[in-house]
Amino acid sequence: MAVKVLIPTPLQKFTNEQATIECDAGSISQLIDALETSCPGIKARLCDESGAPRRFLNFYVNSEDIRFLDNTETALSDGDEVSIVPAVAGG
């Protein structure tokens, strides 16, 4: 199933400067693995040593934060849009 992934600018060096990528995945964890296959090195930027999404990155499926869904086990359907959004902090 094709899922549209919106890649933030700092990670586009892994995607040949593409802001959008299409992947086949049934969950966020499968999506991260699919991204690593097509864009080697990106998983280390998305996940910590235990494989969990890094704290400063937020994943949204159709504008819903995965932390309020099933985290990395959030199911994906054909046509879903996943946004990877770096956290912003100010002072």
PDB file of N, CA and C in Angstrom:
ATOM      1  N   MET A   1       0.838  -1.180   0.000  1.00  0.00           N
ATOM      2  CA  MET A   1       0.000   0.000   0.000  1.00  0.00           C
ATOM      3  C   MET A   1       0.882   1.241   0.000  1.00  0.00           C
ATOM      4  N   ALA A   2       0.600   2.166  -0.854  1.00  0.00           N
ATOM      5  CA  ALA A   2       1.428   3.366  -0.996  1.00  0.00           C
ATOM      6  C   ALA A   2       1.057   4.414   0.047  1.00  0.00           C
ATOM      7  N   VAL A   3       2.079   4.882   0.739  1.00  0.00           N
ATOM      8  CA  VAL A   3       1.931   5.915   1.761  1.00  0.00           C
ATOM      9  C   VAL A   3       2.830   7.081   1.361  1.00  0.00           C
ATOM     10  N   LYS A   4       2.312   8.277   1.438  1.00  0.00           N
ATOM     11  CA  LYS A   4       3.087   9.474   1.113  1.00  0.00           C
ATOM     12  C   LYS A   4       3.776   9.956   2.379  1.00  0.00           C
ATOM     13  N   VAL A   5       5.090  10.167   2.304  1.00  0.00           N
ATOM     14  CA  VAL A   5       5.874  10.596   3.464  1.00  0.00           C
ATOM     15  C   VAL A   5       6.445  11.981   3.183  1.00  0.00           C
ATOM     16  N   LEU A   6       6.158  12.931   4.079  1.00  0.00           N
ATOM     17  CA  LEU A   6       6.698  14.281   3.963  1.00  0.00           C
ATOM     18  C   LEU A   6       7.979  14.348   4.779  1.00  0.00           C
ATOM     19  N   ILE A   7       9.082  14.634   4.096  1.00  0.00           N
ATOM     20  CA  ILE A   7      10.416  14.619   4.705  1.00  0.00           C
ATOM     21  C   ILE A   7      10.829  16.048   5.054  1.00  0.00           C
ATOM     22  N   PRO A   8      11.247  16.308   6.304  1.00  0.00           N
ATOM     23  CA  PRO A   8      11.690  17.662   6.659  1.00  0.00           C
ATOM     24  C   PRO A   8      13.012  17.998   5.974  1.00  0.00           C
ATOM     25  N   THR A   9      13.240  19.262   5.755  1.00  0.00           N
ATOM     26  CA  THR A   9      14.425  19.733   5.033  1.00  0.00           C
ATOM     27  C   THR A   9      15.736  19.160   5.566  1.00  0.00           C
ATOM     28  N   PRO A  10      15.969  19.107   6.896  1.00  0.00           N
ATOM     29  CA  PRO A  10      17.258  18.581   7.371  1.00  0.00           C
ATOM     30  C   PRO A  10      17.520  17.113   6.997  1.00  0.00           C
ATOM     31  N   LEU A  11      16.471  16.347   6.695  1.00  0.00           N
ATOM     32  CA  LEU A  11      16.638  14.929   6.350  1.00  0.00           C
ATOM     33  C   LEU A  11      16.627  14.688   4.840  1.00  0.00           C
ATOM     34  N   GLN A  12      16.412  15.719   4.062  1.00  0.00           N
ATOM     35  CA  GLN A  12      16.315  15.542   2.620  1.00  0.00           C
ATOM     36  C   GLN A  12      17.643  15.168   1.972  1.00  0.00           C
ATOM     37  N   LYS A  13      18.745  15.338   2.690  1.00  0.00           N
ATOM     38  CA  LYS A  13      20.038  14.893   2.142  1.00  0.00           C
ATOM     39  C   LYS A  13      20.053  13.372   1.975  1.00  0.00           C
ATOM     40  N   PHE A  14      19.195  12.659   2.709  1.00  0.00           N
ATOM     41  CA  PHE A  14      19.095  11.199   2.587  1.00  0.00           C
ATOM     42  C   PHE A  14      18.151  10.781   1.463  1.00  0.00           C
ATOM     43  N   THR A  15      17.331  11.719   0.972  1.00  0.00           N
ATOM     44  CA  THR A  15      16.302  11.406  -0.024  1.00  0.00           C
ATOM     45  C   THR A  15      16.589  12.051  -1.374  1.00  0.00           C
ATOM     46  N   ASN A  16      17.858  12.372  -1.624  1.00  0.00           N
ATOM     47  CA  ASN A  16      18.233  13.067  -2.860  1.00  0.00           C
ATOM     48  C   ASN A  16      17.465  14.380  -3.006  1.00  0.00           C
ATOM     49  N   GLU A  17      17.324  15.077  -1.879  1.00  0.00           N
ATOM     50  CA  GLU A  17      16.672  16.397  -1.816  1.00  0.00           C
ATOM     51  C   GLU A  17      15.186  16.351  -2.148  1.00  0.00           C
ATOM     52  N   GLN A  18      14.573  15.179  -2.044  1.00  0.00           N
ATOM     53  CA  GLN A  18      13.133  15.069  -2.273  1.00  0.00           C
ATOM     54  C   GLN A  18      12.390  15.373  -0.977  1.00  0.00           C
ATOM     55  N   ALA A  19      11.353  16.209  -1.064  1.00  0.00           N
ATOM     56  CA  ALA A  19      10.549  16.563   0.102  1.00  0.00           C
ATOM     57  C   ALA A  19       9.442  15.546   0.355  1.00  0.00           C
ATOM     58  N   THR A  20       9.129  14.743  -0.656  1.00  0.00           N
ATOM     59  CA  THR A  20       8.063  13.746  -0.547  1.00  0.00           C
ATOM     60  C   THR A  20       8.556  12.428  -1.123  1.00  0.00           C
ATOM     61  N   ILE A  21       8.236  11.345  -0.422  1.00  0.00           N
ATOM     62  CA  ILE A  21       8.604   9.996  -0.868  1.00  0.00           C
ATOM     63  C   ILE A  21       7.374   9.113  -0.727  1.00  0.00           C
ATOM     64  N   GLU A  22       7.223   8.156  -1.605  1.00  0.00           N
ATOM     65  CA  GLU A  22       6.158   7.162  -1.495  1.00  0.00           C
ATOM     66  C   GLU A  22       6.782   5.850  -1.044  1.00  0.00           C
ATOM     67  N   CYS A  23       6.167   5.221  -0.048  1.00  0.00           N
ATOM     68  CA  CYS A  23       6.650   3.943   0.476  1.00  0.00           C
ATOM     69  C   CYS A  23       5.477   2.993   0.641  1.00  0.00           C
ATOM     70  N   ASP A  24       5.786   1.708   0.639  1.00  0.00           N
ATOM     71  CA  ASP A  24       4.796   0.685   0.951  1.00  0.00           C
ATOM     72  C   ASP A  24       5.045   0.211   2.371  1.00  0.00           C
ATOM     73  N   ALA A  25       4.056   0.408   3.249  1.00  0.00           N
ATOM     74  CA  ALA A  25       4.203  -0.006   4.648  1.00  0.00           C
ATOM     75  C   ALA A  25       2.825  -0.123   5.285  1.00  0.00           C
ATOM     76  N   GLY A  26       2.714  -1.042   6.237  1.00  0.00           N
ATOM     77  CA  GLY A  26       1.458  -1.243   6.941  1.00  0.00           C
ATOM     78  C   GLY A  26       1.423  -0.613   8.314  1.00  0.00           C
ATOM     79  N   SER A  27       2.578  -0.115   8.783  1.00  0.00           N
ATOM     80  CA  SER A  27       2.656   0.542  10.096  1.00  0.00           C
ATOM     81  C   SER A  27       3.822   1.527  10.063  1.00  0.00           C
ATOM     82  N   ILE A  28       3.908   2.353  11.088  1.00  0.00           N
ATOM     83  CA  ILE A  28       5.007   3.320  11.169  1.00  0.00           C
ATOM     84  C   ILE A  28       6.347   2.598  11.272  1.00  0.00           C
ATOM     85  N   SER A  29       6.426   1.530  12.059  1.00  0.00           N
ATOM     86  CA  SER A  29       7.694   0.805  12.178  1.00  0.00           C
ATOM     87  C   SER A  29       8.114   0.216  10.828  1.00  0.00           C
ATOM     88  N   GLN A  30       7.164  -0.315  10.065  1.00  0.00           N
ATOM     89  CA  GLN A  30       7.479  -0.828   8.735  1.00  0.00           C
ATOM     90  C   GLN A  30       7.878   0.316   7.805  1.00  0.00           C
ATOM     91  N   LEU A  31       7.260   1.464   7.983  1.00  0.00           N
ATOM     92  CA  LEU A  31       7.596   2.634   7.171  1.00  0.00           C
ATOM     93  C   LEU A  31       9.035   3.075   7.424  1.00  0.00           C
ATOM     94  N   ILE A  32       9.440   3.101   8.671  1.00  0.00           N
ATOM     95  CA  ILE A  32      10.817   3.485   9.008  1.00  0.00           C
ATOM     96  C   ILE A  32      11.799   2.513   8.361  1.00  0.00           C
ATOM     97  N   ASP A  33      11.492   1.210   8.396  1.00  0.00           N
ATOM     98  CA  ASP A  33      12.361   0.222   7.754  1.00  0.00           C
ATOM     99  C   ASP A  33      12.383   0.412   6.234  1.00  0.00           C
ATOM    100  N   ALA A  34      11.229   0.719   5.642  1.00  0.00           N
ATOM    101  CA  ALA A  34      11.157   0.949   4.193  1.00  0.00           C
ATOM    102  C   ALA A  34      11.954   2.192   3.810  1.00  0.00           C
ATOM    103  N   LEU A  35      11.890   3.222   4.646  1.00  0.00           N
ATOM    104  CA  LEU A  35      12.673   4.436   4.382  1.00  0.00           C
ATOM    105  C   LEU A  35      14.167   4.123   4.430  1.00  0.00           C
ATOM    106  N   GLU A  36      14.576   3.316   5.391  1.00  0.00           N
ATOM    107  CA  GLU A  36      15.991   2.951   5.506  1.00  0.00           C
ATOM    108  C   GLU A  36      16.460   2.173   4.272  1.00  0.00           C
ATOM    109  N   THR A  37      15.599   1.317   3.734  1.00  0.00           N
ATOM    110  CA  THR A  37      15.945   0.551   2.543  1.00  0.00           C
ATOM    111  C   THR A  37      16.150   1.472   1.342  1.00  0.00           C
ATOM    112  N   SER A  38      15.254   2.435   1.171  1.00  0.00           N
ATOM    113  CA  SER A  38      15.350   3.311   0.002  1.00  0.00           C
ATOM    114  C   SER A  38      16.257   4.521   0.237  1.00  0.00           C
ATOM    115  N   CYS A  39      16.479   4.874   1.496  1.00  0.00           N
ATOM    116  CA  CYS A  39      17.307   6.047   1.834  1.00  0.00           C
ATOM    117  C   CYS A  39      18.281   5.661   2.953  1.00  0.00           C
ATOM    118  N   PRO A  40      19.329   4.900   2.630  1.00  0.00           N
ATOM    119  CA  PRO A  40      20.253   4.407   3.660  1.00  0.00           C
ATOM    120  C   PRO A  40      20.786   5.517   4.572  1.00  0.00           C
ATOM    121  N   GLY A  41      20.749   5.238   5.876  1.00  0.00           N
ATOM    122  CA  GLY A  41      21.250   6.177   6.867  1.00  0.00           C
ATOM    123  C   GLY A  41      20.182   7.001   7.541  1.00  0.00           C
ATOM    124  N   ILE A  42      18.970   7.025   6.984  1.00  0.00           N
ATOM    125  CA  ILE A  42      17.924   7.878   7.546  1.00  0.00           C
ATOM    126  C   ILE A  42      17.382   7.329   8.872  1.00  0.00           C
ATOM    127  N   LYS A  43      17.382   6.009   9.033  1.00  0.00           N
ATOM    128  CA  LYS A  43      16.833   5.418  10.259  1.00  0.00           C
ATOM    129  C   LYS A  43      17.594   5.876  11.501  1.00  0.00           C
ATOM    130  N   ALA A  44      18.898   6.025  11.395  1.00  0.00           N
ATOM    131  CA  ALA A  44      19.697   6.477  12.539  1.00  0.00           C
ATOM    132  C   ALA A  44      19.311   7.897  12.945  1.00  0.00           C
ATOM    133  N   ARG A  45      18.806   8.677  12.017  1.00  0.00           N
ATOM    134  CA  ARG A  45      18.358  10.043  12.325  1.00  0.00           C
ATOM    135  C   ARG A  45      16.938  10.054  12.883  1.00  0.00           C
ATOM    136  N   LEU A  46      16.154   9.024  12.517  1.00  0.00           N
ATOM    137  CA  LEU A  46      14.761   8.957  12.957  1.00  0.00           C
ATOM    138  C   LEU A  46      14.591   8.248  14.296  1.00  0.00           C
ATOM    139  N   CYS A  47      15.458   7.258  14.570  1.00  0.00           N
ATOM    140  CA  CYS A  47      15.286   6.404  15.744  1.00  0.00           C
ATOM    141  C   CYS A  47      16.523   6.400  16.631  1.00  0.00           C
ATOM    142  N   ASP A  48      16.285   6.156  17.926  1.00  0.00           N
ATOM    143  CA  ASP A  48      17.410   6.036  18.858  1.00  0.00           C
ATOM    144  C   ASP A  48      17.958   4.611  18.805  1.00  0.00           C
ATOM    145  N   GLU A  49      18.889   4.298  19.704  1.00  0.00           N
ATOM    146  CA  GLU A  49      19.549   2.998  19.711  1.00  0.00           C
ATOM    147  C   GLU A  49      18.585   1.841  19.950  1.00  0.00           C
ATOM    148  N   SER A  50      17.479   2.101  20.641  1.00  0.00           N
ATOM    149  CA  SER A  50      16.512   1.040  20.922  1.00  0.00           C
ATOM    150  C   SER A  50      15.491   0.877  19.797  1.00  0.00           C
ATOM    151  N   GLY A  51      15.559   1.744  18.779  1.00  0.00           N
ATOM    152  CA  GLY A  51      14.631   1.653  17.660  1.00  0.00           C
ATOM    153  C   GLY A  51      13.387   2.517  17.801  1.00  0.00           C
ATOM    154  N   ALA A  52      13.280   3.227  18.912  1.00  0.00           N
ATOM    155  CA  ALA A  52      12.131   4.117  19.131  1.00  0.00           C
ATOM    156  C   ALA A  52      12.376   5.457  18.431  1.00  0.00           C
ATOM    157  N   PRO A  53      11.303   6.102  17.984  1.00  0.00           N
ATOM    158  CA  PRO A  53      11.490   7.424  17.359  1.00  0.00           C
ATOM    159  C   PRO A  53      12.194   8.382  18.320  1.00  0.00           C
ATOM    160  N   ARG A  54      13.087   9.172  17.789  1.00  0.00           N
ATOM    161  CA  ARG A  54      13.811  10.145  18.620  1.00  0.00           C
ATOM    162  C   ARG A  54      12.833  11.140  19.230  1.00  0.00           C
ATOM    163  N   ARG A  55      13.162  11.589  20.430  1.00  0.00           N
ATOM    164  CA  ARG A  55      12.256  12.466  21.192  1.00  0.00           C
ATOM    165  C   ARG A  55      11.985  13.791  20.497  1.00  0.00           C
ATOM    166  N   PHE A  56      12.941  14.274  19.716  1.00  0.00           N
ATOM    167  CA  PHE A  56      12.776  15.576  19.082  1.00  0.00           C
ATOM    168  C   PHE A  56      12.084  15.497  17.721  1.00  0.00           C
ATOM    169  N   LEU A  57      11.627  14.304  17.327  1.00  0.00           N
ATOM    170  CA  LEU A  57      10.872  14.146  16.089  1.00  0.00           C
ATOM    171  C   LEU A  57       9.446  13.729  16.401  1.00  0.00           C
ATOM    172  N   ASN A  58       8.521  14.293  15.672  1.00  0.00           N
ATOM    173  CA  ASN A  58       7.121  13.908  15.806  1.00  0.00           C
ATOM    174  C   ASN A  58       6.653  13.309  14.489  1.00  0.00           C
ATOM    175  N   PHE A  59       5.920  12.214  14.576  1.00  0.00           N
ATOM    176  CA  PHE A  59       5.345  11.565  13.400  1.00  0.00           C
ATOM    177  C   PHE A  59       3.839  11.768  13.441  1.00  0.00           C
ATOM    178  N   TYR A  60       3.286  12.171  12.312  1.00  0.00           N
ATOM    179  CA  TYR A  60       1.843  12.389  12.200  1.00  0.00           C
ATOM    180  C   TYR A  60       1.320  11.547  11.042  1.00  0.00           C
ATOM    181  N   VAL A  61       0.197  10.881  11.259  1.00  0.00           N
ATOM    182  CA  VAL A  61      -0.494  10.157  10.205  1.00  0.00           C
ATOM    183  C   VAL A  61      -1.787  10.903   9.941  1.00  0.00           C
ATOM    184  N   ASN A  62      -1.893  11.462   8.752  1.00  0.00           N
ATOM    185  CA  ASN A  62      -3.073  12.266   8.405  1.00  0.00           C
ATOM    186  C   ASN A  62      -3.370  13.306   9.487  1.00  0.00           C
ATOM    187  N   SER A  63      -2.335  14.002   9.931  1.00  0.00           N
ATOM    188  CA  SER A  63      -2.405  15.088  10.921  1.00  0.00           C
ATOM    189  C   SER A  63      -2.660  14.621  12.349  1.00  0.00           C
ATOM    190  N   GLU A  64      -2.643  13.310  12.601  1.00  0.00           N
ATOM    191  CA  GLU A  64      -2.820  12.775  13.961  1.00  0.00           C
ATOM    192  C   GLU A  64      -1.469  12.336  14.510  1.00  0.00           C
ATOM    193  N   ASP A  65      -1.095  12.822  15.676  1.00  0.00           N
ATOM    194  CA  ASP A  65       0.167  12.475  16.320  1.00  0.00           C
ATOM    195  C   ASP A  65       0.154  10.999  16.708  1.00  0.00           C
ATOM    196  N   ILE A  66       1.172  10.241  16.290  1.00  0.00           N
ATOM    197  CA  ILE A  66       1.190   8.799  16.583  1.00  0.00           C
ATOM    198  C   ILE A  66       1.285   8.516  18.078  1.00  0.00           C
ATOM    199  N   ARG A  67       1.736   9.490  18.863  1.00  0.00           N
ATOM    200  CA  ARG A  67       1.803   9.278  20.322  1.00  0.00           C
ATOM    201  C   ARG A  67       0.413   9.114  20.917  1.00  0.00           C
ATOM    202  N   PHE A  68      -0.597   9.610  20.222  1.00  0.00           N
ATOM    203  CA  PHE A  68      -1.980   9.485  20.694  1.00  0.00           C
ATOM    204  C   PHE A  68      -2.715   8.368  19.960  1.00  0.00           C
ATOM    205  N   LEU A  69      -2.013   7.665  19.097  1.00  0.00           N
ATOM    206  CA  LEU A  69      -2.575   6.521  18.393  1.00  0.00           C
ATOM    207  C   LEU A  69      -1.882   5.276  18.956  1.00  0.00           C
ATOM    208  N   ASP A  70      -1.221   4.493  18.130  1.00  0.00           N
ATOM    209  CA  ASP A  70      -0.528   3.280  18.594  1.00  0.00           C
ATOM    210  C   ASP A  70       0.978   3.390  18.441  1.00  0.00           C
ATOM    211  N   ASN A  71       1.506   4.618  18.556  1.00  0.00           N
ATOM    212  CA  ASN A  71       2.942   4.851  18.389  1.00  0.00           C
ATOM    213  C   ASN A  71       3.448   4.217  17.098  1.00  0.00           C
ATOM    214  N   THR A  72       4.557   3.488  17.150  1.00  0.00           N
ATOM    215  CA  THR A  72       5.128   2.938  15.924  1.00  0.00           C
ATOM    216  C   THR A  72       4.304   1.791  15.353  1.00  0.00           C
ATOM    217  N   GLU A  73       3.350   1.285  16.102  1.00  0.00           N
ATOM    218  CA  GLU A  73       2.465   0.236  15.591  1.00  0.00           C
ATOM    219  C   GLU A  73       1.198   0.828  14.971  1.00  0.00           C
ATOM    220  N   THR A  74       1.137   2.142  14.835  1.00  0.00           N
ATOM    221  CA  THR A  74       0.001   2.793  14.184  1.00  0.00           C
ATOM    222  C   THR A  74      -0.140   2.239  12.776  1.00  0.00           C
ATOM    223  N   ALA A  75      -1.327   1.742  12.461  1.00  0.00           N
ATOM    224  CA  ALA A  75      -1.588   1.147  11.148  1.00  0.00           C
ATOM    225  C   ALA A  75      -1.656   2.222  10.069  1.00  0.00           C
ATOM    226  N   LEU A  76      -1.154   1.862   8.897  1.00  0.00           N
ATOM    227  CA  LEU A  76      -1.204   2.751   7.742  1.00  0.00           C
ATOM    228  C   LEU A  76      -2.058   2.112   6.658  1.00  0.00           C
ATOM    229  N   SER A  77      -2.766   2.953   5.923  1.00  0.00           N
ATOM    230  CA  SER A  77      -3.600   2.493   4.818  1.00  0.00           C
ATOM    231  C   SER A  77      -3.153   3.162   3.534  1.00  0.00           C
ATOM    232  N   ASP A  78      -3.528   2.560   2.426  1.00  0.00           N
ATOM    233  CA  ASP A  78      -3.204   3.112   1.127  1.00  0.00           C
ATOM    234  C   ASP A  78      -3.688   4.556   1.040  1.00  0.00           C
ATOM    235  N   GLY A  79      -2.802   5.461   0.637  1.00  0.00           N
ATOM    236  CA  GLY A  79      -3.167   6.866   0.494  1.00  0.00           C
ATOM    237  C   GLY A  79      -2.927   7.713   1.730  1.00  0.00           C
ATOM    238  N   ASP A  80      -2.520   7.110   2.851  1.00  0.00           N
ATOM    239  CA  ASP A  80      -2.230   7.890   4.058  1.00  0.00           C
ATOM    240  C   ASP A  80      -1.051   8.823   3.810  1.00  0.00           C
ATOM    241  N   GLU A  81      -1.022   9.901   4.579  1.00  0.00           N
ATOM    242  CA  GLU A  81       0.087  10.844   4.523  1.00  0.00           C
ATOM    243  C   GLU A  81       0.767  10.884   5.886  1.00  0.00           C
ATOM    244  N   VAL A  82       2.071  10.618   5.895  1.00  0.00           N
ATOM    245  CA  VAL A  82       2.844  10.632   7.126  1.00  0.00           C
ATOM    246  C   VAL A  82       3.781  11.846   7.073  1.00  0.00           C
ATOM    247  N   SER A  83       3.699  12.666   8.100  1.00  0.00           N
ATOM    248  CA  SER A  83       4.583  13.830   8.211  1.00  0.00           C
ATOM    249  C   SER A  83       5.590  13.573   9.312  1.00  0.00           C
ATOM    250  N   ILE A  84       6.846  13.850   9.021  1.00  0.00           N
ATOM    251  CA  ILE A  84       7.914  13.781  10.024  1.00  0.00           C
ATOM    252  C   ILE A  84       8.262  15.225  10.340  1.00  0.00           C
ATOM    253  N   VAL A  85       8.027  15.614  11.592  1.00  0.00           N
ATOM    254  CA  VAL A  85       8.181  17.025  11.962  1.00  0.00           C
ATOM    255  C   VAL A  85       9.180  17.155  13.117  1.00  0.00           C
ATOM    256  N   PRO A  86      10.279  17.861  12.887  1.00  0.00           N
ATOM    257  CA  PRO A  86      11.221  18.107  13.985  1.00  0.00           C
ATOM    258  C   PRO A  86      10.564  19.032  15.023  1.00  0.00           C
ATOM    259  N   ALA A  87      10.784  18.723  16.289  1.00  0.00           N
ATOM    260  CA  ALA A  87      10.259  19.565  17.367  1.00  0.00           C
ATOM    261  C   ALA A  87      10.964  20.916  17.330  1.00  0.00           C
ATOM    262  N   VAL A  88      10.225  21.952  17.667  1.00  0.00           N
ATOM    263  CA  VAL A  88      10.784  23.303  17.672  1.00  0.00           C
ATOM    264  C   VAL A  88      10.737  23.810  19.109  1.00  0.00           C
ATOM    265  N   ALA A  89      11.858  24.355  19.561  1.00  0.00           N
ATOM    266  CA  ALA A  89      11.914  24.901  20.908  1.00  0.00           C
ATOM    267  C   ALA A  89      12.456  26.326  20.818  1.00  0.00           C
ATOM    268  N   GLY A  90      12.043  27.114  21.720  1.00  0.00           N
ATOM    269  CA  GLY A  90      12.507  28.501  21.721  1.00  0.00           C
ATOM    270  C   GLY A  90      12.876  28.933  23.131  1.00  0.00           C
ATOM    271  N   GLY A  91      13.448  30.068  23.209  1.00  0.00           N
ATOM    272  CA  GLY A  91      13.860  30.498  24.526  1.00  0.00           C
ATOM    273  C   GLY A  91      13.732  31.958  24.731  1.00  0.00           C
TER     274      GLY A  91
END
